[in-house]
Amino acid sequence: ILDIVAMVNCIIDGECWEGEIYGCTDPDALNYNSDAMI
């Protein structure tokens, strides 16, 4: 049941999930964004 509680908190409150972050993913670029996923 504790795992279910963790899942509910995650889905409802967004405490432990991360959304898709768009940006430049090339480390050689001037505007490289280390947080970007796509």
PDB file of all heavy atoms in Angstrom:
ATOM      1  N   ILE A   1       0.811  -1.206   0.000  1.00  0.00           N
ATOM      2  CA  ILE A   1       0.000   0.000   0.000  1.00  0.00           C
ATOM      3  C   ILE A   1       0.853   1.269   0.000  1.00  0.00           C
ATOM      4  O   ILE A   1       0.459   2.302  -0.541  1.00  0.00           O
ATOM      5  CB  ILE A   1      -0.972  -0.020   1.209  1.00  0.00           C
ATOM      6  CG1 ILE A   1      -1.993   1.118   1.095  1.00  0.00           C
ATOM      7  CG2 ILE A   1      -0.193   0.051   2.515  1.00  0.00           C
ATOM      8  CD1 ILE A   1      -2.912   1.030  -0.093  1.00  0.00           C
ATOM      9  N   LEU A   2       2.061   1.222   0.583  1.00  0.00           N
ATOM     10  CA  LEU A   2       2.943   2.394   0.614  1.00  0.00           C
ATOM     11  C   LEU A   2       3.417   2.764  -0.792  1.00  0.00           C
ATOM     12  O   LEU A   2       3.600   3.936  -1.109  1.00  0.00           O
ATOM     13  CB  LEU A   2       4.136   2.143   1.533  1.00  0.00           C
ATOM     14  CG  LEU A   2       3.788   1.936   3.024  1.00  0.00           C
ATOM     15  CD1 LEU A   2       5.057   1.672   3.830  1.00  0.00           C
ATOM     16  CD2 LEU A   2       3.049   3.156   3.577  1.00  0.00           C
ATOM     17  N   ASP A   3       3.590   1.754  -1.638  1.00  0.00           N
ATOM     18  CA  ASP A   3       3.960   2.015  -3.019  1.00  0.00           C
ATOM     19  C   ASP A   3       2.819   2.702  -3.766  1.00  0.00           C
ATOM     20  O   ASP A   3       3.046   3.584  -4.600  1.00  0.00           O
ATOM     21  CB  ASP A   3       4.344   0.716  -3.721  1.00  0.00           C
ATOM     22  CG  ASP A   3       5.593   0.086  -3.136  1.00  0.00           C
ATOM     23  OD1 ASP A   3       6.696   0.565  -3.451  1.00  0.00           O
ATOM     24  OD2 ASP A   3       5.465  -0.866  -2.357  1.00  0.00           O
ATOM     25  N   ILE A   4       1.583   2.280  -3.457  1.00  0.00           N
ATOM     26  CA  ILE A   4       0.428   2.918  -4.081  1.00  0.00           C
ATOM     27  C   ILE A   4       0.334   4.380  -3.665  1.00  0.00           C
ATOM     28  O   ILE A   4       0.052   5.264  -4.470  1.00  0.00           O
ATOM     29  CB  ILE A   4      -0.860   2.159  -3.728  1.00  0.00           C
ATOM     30  CG1 ILE A   4      -0.832   0.766  -4.356  1.00  0.00           C
ATOM     31  CG2 ILE A   4      -2.092   2.931  -4.181  1.00  0.00           C
ATOM     32  CD1 ILE A   4      -2.041  -0.074  -4.047  1.00  0.00           C
ATOM     33  N   VAL A   5       0.573   4.642  -2.370  1.00  0.00           N
ATOM     34  CA  VAL A   5       0.572   6.026  -1.885  1.00  0.00           C
ATOM     35  C   VAL A   5       1.613   6.851  -2.632  1.00  0.00           C
ATOM     36  O   VAL A   5       1.364   7.991  -3.034  1.00  0.00           O
ATOM     37  CB  VAL A   5       0.820   6.058  -0.369  1.00  0.00           C
ATOM     38  CG1 VAL A   5       1.030   7.489   0.098  1.00  0.00           C
ATOM     39  CG2 VAL A   5      -0.329   5.400   0.381  1.00  0.00           C
ATOM     40  N   ALA A   6       2.817   6.291  -2.841  1.00  0.00           N
ATOM     41  CA  ALA A   6       3.866   6.988  -3.562  1.00  0.00           C
ATOM     42  C   ALA A   6       3.442   7.296  -4.993  1.00  0.00           C
ATOM     43  O   ALA A   6       3.701   8.379  -5.527  1.00  0.00           O
ATOM     44  CB  ALA A   6       5.152   6.170  -3.551  1.00  0.00           C
ATOM     45  N   MET A   7       2.772   6.349  -5.637  1.00  0.00           N
ATOM     46  CA  MET A   7       2.306   6.557  -7.000  1.00  0.00           C
ATOM     47  C   MET A   7       1.239   7.642  -7.067  1.00  0.00           C
ATOM     48  O   MET A   7       1.254   8.491  -7.967  1.00  0.00           O
ATOM     49  CB  MET A   7       1.760   5.247  -7.569  1.00  0.00           C
ATOM     50  CG  MET A   7       2.804   4.168  -7.793  1.00  0.00           C
ATOM     51  SD  MET A   7       2.073   2.622  -8.421  1.00  0.00           S
ATOM     52  CE  MET A   7       1.499   3.161 -10.034  1.00  0.00           C
ATOM     53  N   VAL A   8       0.296   7.636  -6.109  1.00  0.00           N
ATOM     54  CA  VAL A   8      -0.749   8.652  -6.072  1.00  0.00           C
ATOM     55  C   VAL A   8      -0.157  10.042  -5.895  1.00  0.00           C
ATOM     56  O   VAL A   8      -0.526  11.000  -6.583  1.00  0.00           O
ATOM     57  CB  VAL A   8      -1.770   8.331  -4.974  1.00  0.00           C
ATOM     58  CG1 VAL A   8      -2.735   9.504  -4.787  1.00  0.00           C
ATOM     59  CG2 VAL A   8      -2.544   7.062  -5.295  1.00  0.00           C
ATOM     60  N   ASN A   9       0.778  10.177  -4.954  1.00  0.00           N
ATOM     61  CA  ASN A   9       1.430  11.470  -4.742  1.00  0.00           C
ATOM     62  C   ASN A   9       2.169  11.933  -5.990  1.00  0.00           C
ATOM     63  O   ASN A   9       2.188  13.116  -6.335  1.00  0.00           O
ATOM     64  CB  ASN A   9       2.389  11.395  -3.568  1.00  0.00           C
ATOM     65  CG  ASN A   9       1.681  11.265  -2.235  1.00  0.00           C
ATOM     66  OD1 ASN A   9       0.527  11.695  -2.081  1.00  0.00           O
ATOM     67  ND2 ASN A   9       2.350  10.668  -1.252  1.00  0.00           N
ATOM     68  N   CYS A  10       2.782  10.998  -6.637  1.00  0.00           N
ATOM     69  CA  CYS A  10       3.545  11.308  -7.830  1.00  0.00           C
ATOM     70  C   CYS A  10       2.651  11.826  -8.956  1.00  0.00           C
ATOM     71  O   CYS A  10       2.938  12.822  -9.599  1.00  0.00           O
ATOM     72  CB  CYS A  10       4.280  10.061  -8.277  1.00  0.00           C
ATOM     73  SG  CYS A  10       5.604  10.319  -9.366  1.00  0.00           S
ATOM     74  N   ILE A  11       1.538  11.131  -9.177  1.00  0.00           N
ATOM     75  CA  ILE A  11       0.639  11.487 -10.270  1.00  0.00           C
ATOM     76  C   ILE A  11      -0.115  12.786  -9.987  1.00  0.00           C
ATOM     77  O   ILE A  11      -0.225  13.667 -10.835  1.00  0.00           O
ATOM     78  CB  ILE A  11      -0.340  10.337 -10.537  1.00  0.00           C
ATOM     79  CG1 ILE A  11       0.428   9.107 -11.040  1.00  0.00           C
ATOM     80  CG2 ILE A  11      -1.379  10.750 -11.573  1.00  0.00           C
ATOM     81  CD1 ILE A  11      -0.443   7.868 -11.183  1.00  0.00           C
ATOM     82  N   ILE A  12      -0.633  12.921  -8.758  1.00  0.00           N
ATOM     83  CA  ILE A  12      -1.469  14.078  -8.423  1.00  0.00           C
ATOM     84  C   ILE A  12      -0.639  15.331  -8.166  1.00  0.00           C
ATOM     85  O   ILE A  12      -0.916  16.403  -8.695  1.00  0.00           O
ATOM     86  CB  ILE A  12      -2.353  13.771  -7.207  1.00  0.00           C
ATOM     87  CG1 ILE A  12      -3.373  12.679  -7.566  1.00  0.00           C
ATOM     88  CG2 ILE A  12      -3.079  15.039  -6.737  1.00  0.00           C
ATOM     89  CD1 ILE A  12      -4.270  12.289  -6.410  1.00  0.00           C
ATOM     90  N   ASP A  13       0.416  15.207  -7.354  1.00  0.00           N
ATOM     91  CA  ASP A  13       1.185  16.369  -6.924  1.00  0.00           C
ATOM     92  C   ASP A  13       2.397  16.666  -7.779  1.00  0.00           C
ATOM     93  O   ASP A  13       2.977  17.739  -7.688  1.00  0.00           O
ATOM     94  CB  ASP A  13       1.628  16.188  -5.469  1.00  0.00           C
ATOM     95  CG  ASP A  13       0.440  16.036  -4.525  1.00  0.00           C
ATOM     96  OD1 ASP A  13      -0.594  16.676  -4.797  1.00  0.00           O
ATOM     97  OD2 ASP A  13       0.567  15.303  -3.529  1.00  0.00           O
ATOM     98  N   GLY A  14       2.799  15.707  -8.586  1.00  0.00           N
ATOM     99  CA  GLY A  14       3.961  15.928  -9.422  1.00  0.00           C
ATOM    100  C   GLY A  14       5.249  16.049  -8.651  1.00  0.00           C
ATOM    101  O   GLY A  14       6.174  16.753  -9.065  1.00  0.00           O
ATOM    102  N   GLU A  15       5.351  15.350  -7.523  1.00  0.00           N
ATOM    103  CA  GLU A  15       6.516  15.492  -6.674  1.00  0.00           C
ATOM    104  C   GLU A  15       7.694  14.653  -7.126  1.00  0.00           C
ATOM    105  O   GLU A  15       8.826  14.924  -6.732  1.00  0.00           O
ATOM    106  CB  GLU A  15       6.155  15.118  -5.235  1.00  0.00           C
ATOM    107  CG  GLU A  15       5.164  16.068  -4.591  1.00  0.00           C
ATOM    108  CD  GLU A  15       4.787  15.642  -3.196  1.00  0.00           C
ATOM    109  OE1 GLU A  15       5.171  14.510  -2.821  1.00  0.00           O
ATOM    110  OE2 GLU A  15       4.135  16.419  -2.480  1.00  0.00           O
ATOM    111  N   CYS A  16       7.481  13.636  -7.916  1.00  0.00           N
ATOM    112  CA  CYS A  16       8.578  12.757  -8.268  1.00  0.00           C
ATOM    113  C   CYS A  16       8.549  12.347  -9.722  1.00  0.00           C
ATOM    114  O   CYS A  16       9.021  11.280 -10.085  1.00  0.00           O
ATOM    115  CB  CYS A  16       8.595  11.518  -7.381  1.00  0.00           C
ATOM    116  SG  CYS A  16       7.038  10.746  -7.145  1.00  0.00           S
ATOM    117  N   TRP A  17       7.976  13.161 -10.606  1.00  0.00           N
ATOM    118  CA  TRP A  17       8.041  12.927 -12.039  1.00  0.00           C
ATOM    119  C   TRP A  17       8.592  14.148 -12.720  1.00  0.00           C
ATOM    120  O   TRP A  17       8.567  15.248 -12.191  1.00  0.00           O
ATOM    121  CB  TRP A  17       6.678  12.545 -12.612  1.00  0.00           C
ATOM    122  CG  TRP A  17       5.619  13.593 -12.404  1.00  0.00           C
ATOM    123  CD1 TRP A  17       4.770  13.688 -11.354  1.00  0.00           C
ATOM    124  CD2 TRP A  17       5.303  14.681 -13.265  1.00  0.00           C
ATOM    125  NE1 TRP A  17       3.952  14.766 -11.489  1.00  0.00           N
ATOM    126  CE2 TRP A  17       4.250  15.383 -12.664  1.00  0.00           C
ATOM    127  CE3 TRP A  17       5.810  15.137 -14.469  1.00  0.00           C
ATOM    128  CZ2 TRP A  17       3.696  16.528 -13.225  1.00  0.00           C
ATOM    129  CZ3 TRP A  17       5.264  16.252 -15.048  1.00  0.00           C
ATOM    130  CH2 TRP A  17       4.208  16.934 -14.418  1.00  0.00           C
ATOM    131  N   GLU A  18       9.073  14.029 -13.891  1.00  0.00           N
ATOM    132  CA  GLU A  18       9.609  15.153 -14.628  1.00  0.00           C
ATOM    133  C   GLU A  18       9.011  15.166 -16.029  1.00  0.00           C
ATOM    134  O   GLU A  18       8.839  14.147 -16.671  1.00  0.00           O
ATOM    135  CB  GLU A  18      11.138  15.087 -14.718  1.00  0.00           C
ATOM    136  CG  GLU A  18      11.678  13.792 -15.254  1.00  0.00           C
ATOM    137  CD  GLU A  18      13.181  13.687 -15.138  1.00  0.00           C
ATOM    138  OE1 GLU A  18      13.722  14.352 -14.266  1.00  0.00           O
ATOM    139  OE2 GLU A  18      13.793  12.955 -15.918  1.00  0.00           O
ATOM    140  N   GLY A  19       8.653  16.387 -16.478  1.00  0.00           N
ATOM    141  CA  GLY A  19       8.073  16.516 -17.792  1.00  0.00           C
ATOM    142  C   GLY A  19       9.126  16.564 -18.876  1.00  0.00           C
ATOM    143  O   GLY A  19      10.324  16.635 -18.622  1.00  0.00           O
ATOM    144  N   GLU A  20       8.676  16.503 -20.122  1.00  0.00           N
ATOM    145  CA  GLU A  20       9.582  16.571 -21.250  1.00  0.00           C
ATOM    146  C   GLU A  20      10.164  17.981 -21.378  1.00  0.00           C
ATOM    147  O   GLU A  20       9.432  18.959 -21.429  1.00  0.00           O
ATOM    148  CB  GLU A  20       8.857  16.174 -22.526  1.00  0.00           C
ATOM    149  CG  GLU A  20       8.382  14.734 -22.542  1.00  0.00           C
ATOM    150  CD  GLU A  20       7.646  14.379 -23.804  1.00  0.00           C
ATOM    151  OE1 GLU A  20       7.251  15.319 -24.535  1.00  0.00           O
ATOM    152  OE2 GLU A  20       7.446  13.191 -24.067  1.00  0.00           O
ATOM    153  N   ILE A  21      11.475  18.113 -21.431  1.00  0.00           N
ATOM    154  CA  ILE A  21      12.145  19.395 -21.546  1.00  0.00           C
ATOM    155  C   ILE A  21      12.828  19.459 -22.902  1.00  0.00           C
ATOM    156  O   ILE A  21      13.702  18.651 -23.219  1.00  0.00           O
ATOM    157  CB  ILE A  21      13.174  19.586 -20.421  1.00  0.00           C
ATOM    158  CG1 ILE A  21      12.480  19.546 -19.061  1.00  0.00           C
ATOM    159  CG2 ILE A  21      13.915  20.912 -20.589  1.00  0.00           C
ATOM    160  CD1 ILE A  21      13.440  19.638 -17.896  1.00  0.00           C
ATOM    161  N   TYR A  22      12.423  20.438 -23.707  1.00  0.00           N
ATOM    162  CA  TYR A  22      12.992  20.630 -25.024  1.00  0.00           C
ATOM    163  C   TYR A  22      14.110  21.665 -24.964  1.00  0.00           C
ATOM    164  O   TYR A  22      14.069  22.612 -24.175  1.00  0.00           O
ATOM    165  CB  TYR A  22      11.917  21.083 -26.012  1.00  0.00           C
ATOM    166  CG  TYR A  22      10.906  20.013 -26.363  1.00  0.00           C
ATOM    167  CD1 TYR A  22       9.839  19.741 -25.518  1.00  0.00           C
ATOM    168  CD2 TYR A  22      11.028  19.276 -27.531  1.00  0.00           C
ATOM    169  CE1 TYR A  22       8.913  18.767 -25.829  1.00  0.00           C
ATOM    170  CE2 TYR A  22      10.103  18.292 -27.861  1.00  0.00           C
ATOM    171  CZ  TYR A  22       9.046  18.043 -27.004  1.00  0.00           C
ATOM    172  OH  TYR A  22       8.127  17.069 -27.316  1.00  0.00           O
ATOM    173  N   GLY A  23      15.108  21.485 -25.806  1.00  0.00           N
ATOM    174  CA  GLY A  23      16.208  22.425 -25.877  1.00  0.00           C
ATOM    175  C   GLY A  23      17.353  21.869 -26.678  1.00  0.00           C
ATOM    176  O   GLY A  23      17.232  20.821 -27.334  1.00  0.00           O
ATOM    177  N   CYS A  24      18.482  22.546 -26.637  1.00  0.00           N
ATOM    178  CA  CYS A  24      19.668  22.095 -27.354  1.00  0.00           C
ATOM    179  C   CYS A  24      20.406  21.051 -26.530  1.00  0.00           C
ATOM    180  O   CYS A  24      20.791  21.305 -25.384  1.00  0.00           O
ATOM    181  CB  CYS A  24      20.585  23.273 -27.656  1.00  0.00           C
ATOM    182  SG  CYS A  24      22.149  22.797 -28.433  1.00  0.00           S
ATOM    183  N   THR A  25      20.610  19.891 -27.101  1.00  0.00           N
ATOM    184  CA  THR A  25      21.252  18.792 -26.381  1.00  0.00           C
ATOM    185  C   THR A  25      22.700  18.562 -26.809  1.00  0.00           C
ATOM    186  O   THR A  25      23.323  17.590 -26.376  1.00  0.00           O
ATOM    187  CB  THR A  25      20.447  17.492 -26.575  1.00  0.00           C
ATOM    188  OG1 THR A  25      20.393  17.161 -27.977  1.00  0.00           O
ATOM    189  CG2 THR A  25      19.032  17.638 -26.027  1.00  0.00           C
ATOM    190  N   ASP A  26      23.242  19.454 -27.671  1.00  0.00           N
ATOM    191  CA  ASP A  26      24.622  19.312 -28.135  1.00  0.00           C
ATOM    192  C   ASP A  26      25.559  20.034 -27.169  1.00  0.00           C
ATOM    193  O   ASP A  26      25.519  21.261 -27.075  1.00  0.00           O
ATOM    194  CB  ASP A  26      24.769  19.889 -29.538  1.00  0.00           C
ATOM    195  CG  ASP A  26      26.162  19.658 -30.127  1.00  0.00           C
ATOM    196  OD1 ASP A  26      27.045  19.134 -29.413  1.00  0.00           O
ATOM    197  OD2 ASP A  26      26.374  20.014 -31.305  1.00  0.00           O
ATOM    198  N   PRO A  27      26.431  19.318 -26.456  1.00  0.00           N
ATOM    199  CA  PRO A  27      27.330  19.968 -25.495  1.00  0.00           C
ATOM    200  C   PRO A  27      28.283  20.970 -26.132  1.00  0.00           C
ATOM    201  O   PRO A  27      28.823  21.837 -25.436  1.00  0.00           O
ATOM    202  CB  PRO A  27      28.104  18.794 -24.876  1.00  0.00           C
ATOM    203  CG  PRO A  27      27.253  17.591 -25.139  1.00  0.00           C
ATOM    204  CD  PRO A  27      26.571  17.860 -26.447  1.00  0.00           C
ATOM    205  N   ASP A  28      28.504  20.882 -27.445  1.00  0.00           N
ATOM    206  CA  ASP A  28      29.407  21.801 -28.120  1.00  0.00           C
ATOM    207  C   ASP A  28      28.726  23.112 -28.524  1.00  0.00           C
ATOM    208  O   ASP A  28      29.406  24.047 -28.965  1.00  0.00           O
ATOM    209  CB  ASP A  28      30.011  21.144 -29.362  1.00  0.00           C
ATOM    210  CG  ASP A  28      30.911  19.963 -29.021  1.00  0.00           C
ATOM    211  OD1 ASP A  28      31.551  20.001 -27.949  1.00  0.00           O
ATOM    212  OD2 ASP A  28      30.975  19.009 -29.832  1.00  0.00           O
ATOM    213  N   ALA A  29      27.416  23.187 -28.409  1.00  0.00           N
ATOM    214  CA  ALA A  29      26.684  24.391 -28.797  1.00  0.00           C
ATOM    215  C   ALA A  29      26.762  25.443 -27.708  1.00  0.00           C
ATOM    216  O   ALA A  29      26.908  25.130 -26.521  1.00  0.00           O
ATOM    217  CB  ALA A  29      25.230  24.054 -29.107  1.00  0.00           C
ATOM    218  N   LEU A  30      26.635  26.707 -28.118  1.00  0.00           N
ATOM    219  CA  LEU A  30      26.676  27.804 -27.162  1.00  0.00           C
ATOM    220  C   LEU A  30      25.477  27.798 -26.235  1.00  0.00           C
ATOM    221  O   LEU A  30      25.561  28.208 -25.085  1.00  0.00           O
ATOM    222  CB  LEU A  30      26.759  29.145 -27.905  1.00  0.00           C
ATOM    223  CG  LEU A  30      28.015  29.368 -28.748  1.00  0.00           C
ATOM    224  CD1 LEU A  30      27.880  30.643 -29.575  1.00  0.00           C
ATOM    225  CD2 LEU A  30      29.242  29.445 -27.853  1.00  0.00           C
ATOM    226  N   ASN A  31      24.334  27.344 -26.734  1.00  0.00           N
ATOM    227  CA  ASN A  31      23.118  27.318 -25.949  1.00  0.00           C
ATOM    228  C   ASN A  31      22.755  25.927 -25.462  1.00  0.00           C
ATOM    229  O   ASN A  31      21.579  25.583 -25.306  1.00  0.00           O
ATOM    230  CB  ASN A  31      21.955  27.912 -26.748  1.00  0.00           C
ATOM    231  CG  ASN A  31      21.646  27.129 -28.007  1.00  0.00           C
ATOM    232  OD1 ASN A  31      22.540  26.535 -28.598  1.00  0.00           O
ATOM    233  ND2 ASN A  31      20.385  27.133 -28.432  1.00  0.00           N
ATOM    234  N   TYR A  32      23.783  25.095 -25.227  1.00  0.00           N
ATOM    235  CA  TYR A  32      23.553  23.748 -24.697  1.00  0.00           C
ATOM    236  C   TYR A  32      22.795  23.812 -23.375  1.00  0.00           C
ATOM    237  O   TYR A  32      23.138  24.564 -22.473  1.00  0.00           O
ATOM    238  CB  TYR A  32      24.884  23.038 -24.494  1.00  0.00           C
ATOM    239  CG  TYR A  32      24.791  21.767 -23.674  1.00  0.00           C
ATOM    240  CD1 TYR A  32      24.036  20.681 -24.111  1.00  0.00           C
ATOM    241  CD2 TYR A  32      25.449  21.654 -22.448  1.00  0.00           C
ATOM    242  CE1 TYR A  32      23.942  19.515 -23.375  1.00  0.00           C
ATOM    243  CE2 TYR A  32      25.383  20.489 -21.696  1.00  0.00           C
ATOM    244  CZ  TYR A  32      24.624  19.432 -22.164  1.00  0.00           C
ATOM    245  OH  TYR A  32      24.540  18.269 -21.421  1.00  0.00           O
ATOM    246  N   ASN A  33      21.737  23.006 -23.274  1.00  0.00           N
ATOM    247  CA  ASN A  33      20.910  22.948 -22.079  1.00  0.00           C
ATOM    248  C   ASN A  33      21.032  21.562 -21.469  1.00  0.00           C
ATOM    249  O   ASN A  33      20.511  20.587 -22.009  1.00  0.00           O
ATOM    250  CB  ASN A  33      19.457  23.275 -22.433  1.00  0.00           C
ATOM    251  CG  ASN A  33      18.569  23.388 -21.207  1.00  0.00           C
ATOM    252  OD1 ASN A  33      18.984  23.117 -20.090  1.00  0.00           O
ATOM    253  ND2 ASN A  33      17.317  23.799 -21.430  1.00  0.00           N
ATOM    254  N   SER A  34      21.739  21.469 -20.363  1.00  0.00           N
ATOM    255  CA  SER A  34      21.972  20.175 -19.722  1.00  0.00           C
ATOM    256  C   SER A  34      20.689  19.554 -19.191  1.00  0.00           C
ATOM    257  O   SER A  34      20.644  18.338 -18.939  1.00  0.00           O
ATOM    258  CB  SER A  34      22.992  20.328 -18.588  1.00  0.00           C
ATOM    259  OG  SER A  34      22.529  21.249 -17.607  1.00  0.00           O
ATOM    260  N   ASP A  35      19.645  20.326 -19.004  1.00  0.00           N
ATOM    261  CA  ASP A  35      18.373  19.805 -18.512  1.00  0.00           C
ATOM    262  C   ASP A  35      17.467  19.311 -19.630  1.00  0.00           C
ATOM    263  O   ASP A  35      16.446  18.673 -19.361  1.00  0.00           O
ATOM    264  CB  ASP A  35      17.628  20.879 -17.710  1.00  0.00           C
ATOM    265  CG  ASP A  35      18.368  21.274 -16.441  1.00  0.00           C
ATOM    266  OD1 ASP A  35      19.019  20.399 -15.836  1.00  0.00           O
ATOM    267  OD2 ASP A  35      18.298  22.466 -16.048  1.00  0.00           O
ATOM    268  N   ALA A  36      17.818  19.621 -20.876  1.00  0.00           N
ATOM    269  CA  ALA A  36      16.965  19.241 -22.001  1.00  0.00           C
ATOM    270  C   ALA A  36      16.994  17.742 -22.223  1.00  0.00           C
ATOM    271  O   ALA A  36      18.045  17.098 -22.155  1.00  0.00           O
ATOM    272  CB  ALA A  36      17.383  19.980 -23.262  1.00  0.00           C
ATOM    273  N   MET A  37      15.827  17.162 -22.513  1.00  0.00           N
ATOM    274  CA  MET A  37      15.689  15.743 -22.793  1.00  0.00           C
ATOM    275  C   MET A  37      15.491  15.477 -24.276  1.00  0.00           C
ATOM    276  O   MET A  37      15.855  14.415 -24.784  1.00  0.00           O
ATOM    277  CB  MET A  37      14.503  15.176 -22.006  1.00  0.00           C
ATOM    278  CG  MET A  37      14.608  15.386 -20.502  1.00  0.00           C
ATOM    279  SD  MET A  37      13.039  15.008 -19.656  1.00  0.00           S
ATOM    280  CE  MET A  37      12.771  13.342 -20.140  1.00  0.00           C
ATOM    281  N   ILE A  38      14.886  16.452 -24.987  1.00  0.00           N
ATOM    282  CA  ILE A  38      14.593  16.313 -26.408  1.00  0.00           C
ATOM    283  C   ILE A  38      15.168  17.514 -27.140  1.00  0.00           C
ATOM    284  O   ILE A  38      14.886  18.663 -26.784  1.00  0.00           O
ATOM    285  CB  ILE A  38      13.079  16.212 -26.647  1.00  0.00           C
ATOM    286  CG1 ILE A  38      12.489  15.021 -25.892  1.00  0.00           C
ATOM    287  CG2 ILE A  38      12.770  16.092 -28.135  1.00  0.00           C
ATOM    288  CD1 ILE A  38      10.991  14.923 -25.975  1.00  0.00           C
TER     289      ILE A  38
END
